Protein backbone atom coordinates (compact mmCIF):
# COMPACT_ATOMS: atom_id res chain seq x y z
CA UNK A 1 34.03 -28.37 -51.28
CA UNK A 2 33.16 -31.84 -52.12
CA UNK A 3 32.16 -32.35 -55.74
CA UNK A 4 28.08 -32.20 -56.06
CA UNK A 5 26.05 -35.36 -57.02
CA UNK A 6 22.22 -34.84 -57.31
CA UNK A 7 19.82 -36.96 -57.92
CA UNK A 8 15.99 -36.36 -58.64
CA UNK A 9 12.64 -38.10 -58.18
CA UNK A 10 14.62 -40.16 -56.01
CA UNK A 11 11.75 -41.76 -54.28
CA UNK A 12 12.78 -43.98 -51.41
CA UNK A 13 16.14 -44.51 -53.03
CA UNK A 14 18.25 -41.43 -51.39
CA UNK A 15 22.08 -42.55 -50.39
CA UNK A 16 23.90 -39.63 -48.38
CA UNK A 17 27.02 -39.67 -51.52
CA UNK A 18 24.02 -38.06 -53.59
CA UNK A 19 21.67 -34.81 -52.50
CA UNK A 20 18.49 -36.35 -53.58
CA UNK A 21 14.90 -34.37 -54.63
CA UNK A 22 11.70 -35.25 -55.09
CA UNK A 23 7.98 -33.68 -55.54
CA UNK A 24 6.02 -36.53 -55.11
CA UNK A 25 2.44 -34.93 -53.26
CA UNK A 26 3.08 -38.40 -50.88
CA UNK A 27 6.09 -37.31 -50.03
CA UNK A 28 5.29 -33.25 -49.67
CA UNK A 29 2.81 -34.27 -47.25
CA UNK A 30 4.92 -36.09 -45.06
CA UNK A 31 7.88 -33.57 -44.88
CA UNK A 32 5.44 -30.72 -44.21
CA UNK A 33 2.54 -31.82 -42.45
CA UNK A 34 4.00 -34.65 -40.55
CA UNK A 35 0.75 -35.72 -38.61
CA UNK A 36 -0.98 -36.95 -41.83
CA UNK A 37 2.16 -39.50 -42.39
CA UNK A 38 -0.02 -41.90 -40.40
CA UNK A 39 -2.89 -41.99 -42.92
CA UNK A 40 -0.42 -41.50 -46.12
CA UNK A 41 1.57 -44.88 -44.98
CA UNK A 42 -1.58 -46.58 -44.18
CA UNK A 43 -3.04 -45.65 -48.10
CA UNK A 44 0.31 -47.55 -49.30
CA UNK A 45 2.99 -44.72 -50.01
CA UNK A 46 6.27 -45.32 -48.64
CA UNK A 47 7.43 -44.41 -45.69
CA UNK A 48 10.38 -41.49 -46.95
CA UNK A 49 14.33 -41.44 -45.79
CA UNK A 50 14.72 -37.98 -44.18
CA UNK A 51 17.81 -36.62 -46.30
CA UNK A 52 15.52 -35.93 -49.04
CA UNK A 53 14.50 -32.34 -49.99
CA UNK A 54 11.35 -30.84 -51.97
CA UNK A 55 12.14 -29.80 -55.20
CA UNK A 56 9.48 -29.40 -58.69
CA UNK A 57 12.55 -29.46 -60.71
CA UNK A 58 10.51 -28.78 -63.83
CA UNK A 59 10.68 -24.94 -61.76
CA UNK A 60 14.19 -25.04 -61.52
CA UNK A 61 17.14 -26.35 -58.34
CA UNK A 62 18.08 -24.73 -55.56
CA UNK A 63 21.97 -25.12 -56.80
CA UNK A 64 23.96 -22.31 -57.98
CA UNK A 65 24.32 -23.19 -61.79
CA UNK A 66 27.35 -24.74 -62.93
CA UNK A 67 28.47 -26.03 -59.57
CA UNK A 68 27.05 -29.97 -59.83
CA UNK A 69 29.10 -32.68 -60.97
CA UNK A 70 26.88 -35.86 -61.82
CA UNK A 71 22.52 -35.34 -62.00
CA UNK A 72 20.86 -38.60 -62.37
CA UNK A 73 17.11 -39.67 -62.39
CA UNK A 74 15.98 -42.75 -63.07
CA UNK A 75 11.85 -43.40 -64.53
CA UNK A 76 11.23 -39.84 -63.65
CA UNK A 77 11.08 -38.06 -66.81
CA UNK A 78 8.11 -40.22 -68.48
CA UNK A 79 5.98 -39.13 -65.76
CA UNK A 80 6.28 -35.57 -67.31
CA UNK A 81 4.59 -33.43 -69.92
CA UNK A 82 6.52 -32.75 -73.06
CA UNK A 83 6.90 -28.83 -71.76
CA UNK A 84 7.87 -30.30 -68.44
CA UNK A 85 10.35 -32.47 -69.35
CA UNK A 86 12.28 -29.90 -71.65
CA UNK A 87 12.15 -27.50 -68.84
CA UNK A 88 13.66 -30.33 -66.73
CA UNK A 89 16.59 -30.65 -68.93
CA UNK A 90 17.04 -26.74 -69.22
CA UNK A 91 17.16 -26.68 -65.15
CA UNK A 92 19.49 -29.70 -65.63
CA UNK A 93 21.64 -28.15 -67.65
CA UNK A 94 22.35 -25.44 -66.10
CA UNK A 95 23.23 -27.07 -62.83
CA UNK A 96 25.89 -28.76 -64.00
CA UNK A 97 29.81 -27.43 -64.32
CA UNK A 98 31.17 -27.94 -67.46
CA UNK A 99 32.37 -31.73 -68.26
CA UNK A 100 29.58 -32.73 -65.76
CA UNK A 101 27.41 -35.81 -66.49
CA UNK A 102 23.67 -36.50 -66.74
CA UNK A 103 22.92 -39.76 -66.84
CA UNK A 104 18.81 -41.30 -67.20
CA UNK A 105 17.11 -44.28 -67.47
CA UNK A 106 13.18 -44.38 -68.49
CA UNK A 107 11.11 -46.97 -70.59
CA UNK A 108 11.51 -47.65 -73.42
CA UNK A 109 8.90 -46.87 -76.16
CA UNK A 110 10.49 -48.60 -79.04
CA UNK A 111 11.47 -51.99 -77.06
CA UNK A 112 7.78 -51.83 -76.26
CA UNK A 113 6.21 -50.94 -79.35
CA UNK A 114 8.34 -54.51 -81.08
CA UNK A 115 7.46 -56.56 -78.56
CA UNK A 116 3.08 -55.14 -78.93
CA UNK A 117 3.96 -55.89 -83.05
CA UNK A 118 5.70 -58.90 -83.17
CA UNK A 119 3.22 -60.50 -80.77
CA UNK A 120 0.65 -62.86 -81.78
CA UNK A 121 -1.13 -62.87 -78.76
CA UNK A 122 -4.57 -61.56 -78.90
CA UNK A 123 -4.09 -59.58 -75.55
CA UNK A 124 -1.05 -58.26 -76.70
CA UNK A 125 -2.47 -54.18 -77.46
CA UNK A 126 -3.89 -54.36 -73.18
CA UNK A 127 -0.45 -55.99 -72.73
CA UNK A 128 1.65 -52.72 -74.10
CA UNK A 129 -1.13 -50.69 -72.40
CA UNK A 130 -0.50 -52.20 -69.29
CA UNK A 131 3.45 -52.52 -69.67
CA UNK A 132 3.89 -48.26 -71.34
CA UNK A 133 1.56 -47.37 -67.86
CA UNK A 134 -0.51 -45.18 -70.42
CA UNK A 135 -3.72 -47.08 -70.04
CA UNK A 136 -5.98 -47.02 -67.09
CA UNK A 137 -7.52 -50.26 -65.84
CA UNK A 138 -9.83 -48.25 -63.41
CA UNK A 139 -10.38 -45.46 -61.49
CA UNK A 140 -11.17 -47.40 -58.59
CA UNK A 141 -13.62 -46.13 -55.84
CA UNK A 142 -14.40 -44.08 -52.82
CA UNK A 143 -11.14 -42.84 -50.68
CA UNK A 144 -9.24 -44.80 -53.01
CA UNK A 145 -9.82 -42.92 -56.03
CA UNK A 146 -9.53 -39.79 -54.63
CA UNK A 147 -6.03 -40.20 -52.73
CA UNK A 148 -5.01 -41.73 -56.33
CA UNK A 149 -5.57 -38.92 -57.80
CA UNK A 150 -4.11 -36.01 -55.14
CA UNK A 151 -1.46 -38.37 -54.39
CA UNK A 152 -0.25 -40.26 -57.06
CA UNK A 153 1.27 -39.41 -60.76
CA UNK A 154 1.88 -42.82 -61.69
CA UNK A 155 0.75 -42.38 -65.46
CA UNK A 156 2.97 -41.49 -68.30
CA UNK A 157 2.72 -38.73 -69.90
CA UNK A 158 5.05 -38.65 -72.80
CA UNK A 159 7.28 -41.79 -73.92
CA UNK A 160 10.69 -42.01 -75.51
CA UNK A 161 13.31 -43.65 -77.95
CA UNK A 162 16.66 -43.43 -78.20
CA UNK A 163 16.17 -41.07 -81.93
CA UNK A 164 13.75 -38.71 -80.16
CA UNK A 165 15.64 -38.07 -76.58
CA UNK A 166 18.97 -37.97 -78.24
CA UNK A 167 17.62 -35.07 -80.11
CA UNK A 168 16.04 -33.77 -77.03
CA UNK A 169 19.27 -33.81 -75.14
CA UNK A 170 20.53 -31.99 -77.92
CA UNK A 171 18.75 -29.30 -78.19
CA UNK A 172 19.23 -28.66 -74.56
CA UNK A 173 22.82 -28.09 -74.94
CA UNK A 174 24.25 -31.42 -73.79
CA UNK A 175 26.95 -32.86 -75.55
CA UNK A 176 28.87 -36.31 -76.26
CA UNK A 177 25.01 -37.82 -76.02
CA UNK A 178 25.33 -41.77 -75.66
CA UNK A 179 23.28 -45.28 -75.34
CA UNK A 180 23.82 -46.23 -71.37
CA UNK A 181 24.07 -49.87 -70.23
CA UNK A 182 23.56 -50.60 -66.58
CA UNK A 183 27.05 -49.96 -64.40
CA UNK A 184 28.40 -49.19 -67.51
CA UNK A 185 29.69 -45.46 -66.15
CA UNK A 186 33.15 -45.98 -64.21
CA UNK A 187 32.63 -43.29 -61.41
CA UNK A 188 31.53 -45.71 -58.55
CA UNK A 189 29.05 -43.40 -56.72
CA UNK A 190 26.62 -44.64 -59.72
CA UNK A 191 26.79 -47.97 -57.80
CA UNK A 192 24.91 -46.16 -54.77
CA UNK A 193 21.62 -45.14 -57.08
CA UNK A 194 21.92 -47.51 -59.65
CA UNK A 195 19.28 -50.98 -59.34
CA UNK A 196 20.20 -53.37 -62.75
CA UNK A 197 16.29 -54.12 -62.49
CA UNK A 198 15.89 -50.34 -63.18
CA UNK A 199 17.51 -50.59 -66.48
CA UNK A 200 15.95 -53.97 -67.70
CA UNK A 201 14.49 -53.39 -71.10
CA UNK A 202 14.74 -49.80 -70.64
CA UNK A 203 16.29 -46.55 -72.51
CA UNK A 204 19.22 -45.51 -70.73
CA UNK A 205 21.28 -42.36 -71.62
CA UNK A 206 24.13 -40.38 -70.77
CA UNK A 207 25.56 -36.98 -72.02
CA UNK A 208 27.70 -34.13 -70.75
CA UNK A 209 27.54 -30.23 -70.58
CA UNK A 210 30.11 -28.83 -72.69
């Protein structure tokens, strides 16, 4: 049996070398209510590849415990509440085999704050709110407002720095926790999911199941 590589919150990046999961409302509509797909695409949501499975990872994976070699996620965890984040870490830990790798990247709160504090720009606070996705500039109007509320989860609900996320990973049972950089894992399959632009000025972490 081939070793399992899993990616969650994949969006439209769904290589065949990984088992890809997403839980976005727009993806759910395209998968389970395909007659609505033209409307969803018209509203600007992407056309998802067919090899993606629906899974709310905060509730668990449809995967046997201890069977996965690698779990990867990119810019997903910051869209979760603290409670959802912690349950996702537990669920990820559960499916990894001994020695399995969990690798993730997300916005770096420390980098964003440093840029705000050190900036002489009088609009630095507004830029911080935009760059951190913690602010809301407009609710929109009409159907656009409704579709964003129903289908989108773009806001960042909980932000992380290296110290805090290291503690959370350790509390979930992970070991060998380290700061990761783009492309620094020798496993060539990470090239299928990693994009340098999504790592720039961001917080990458890697850890293992004992």
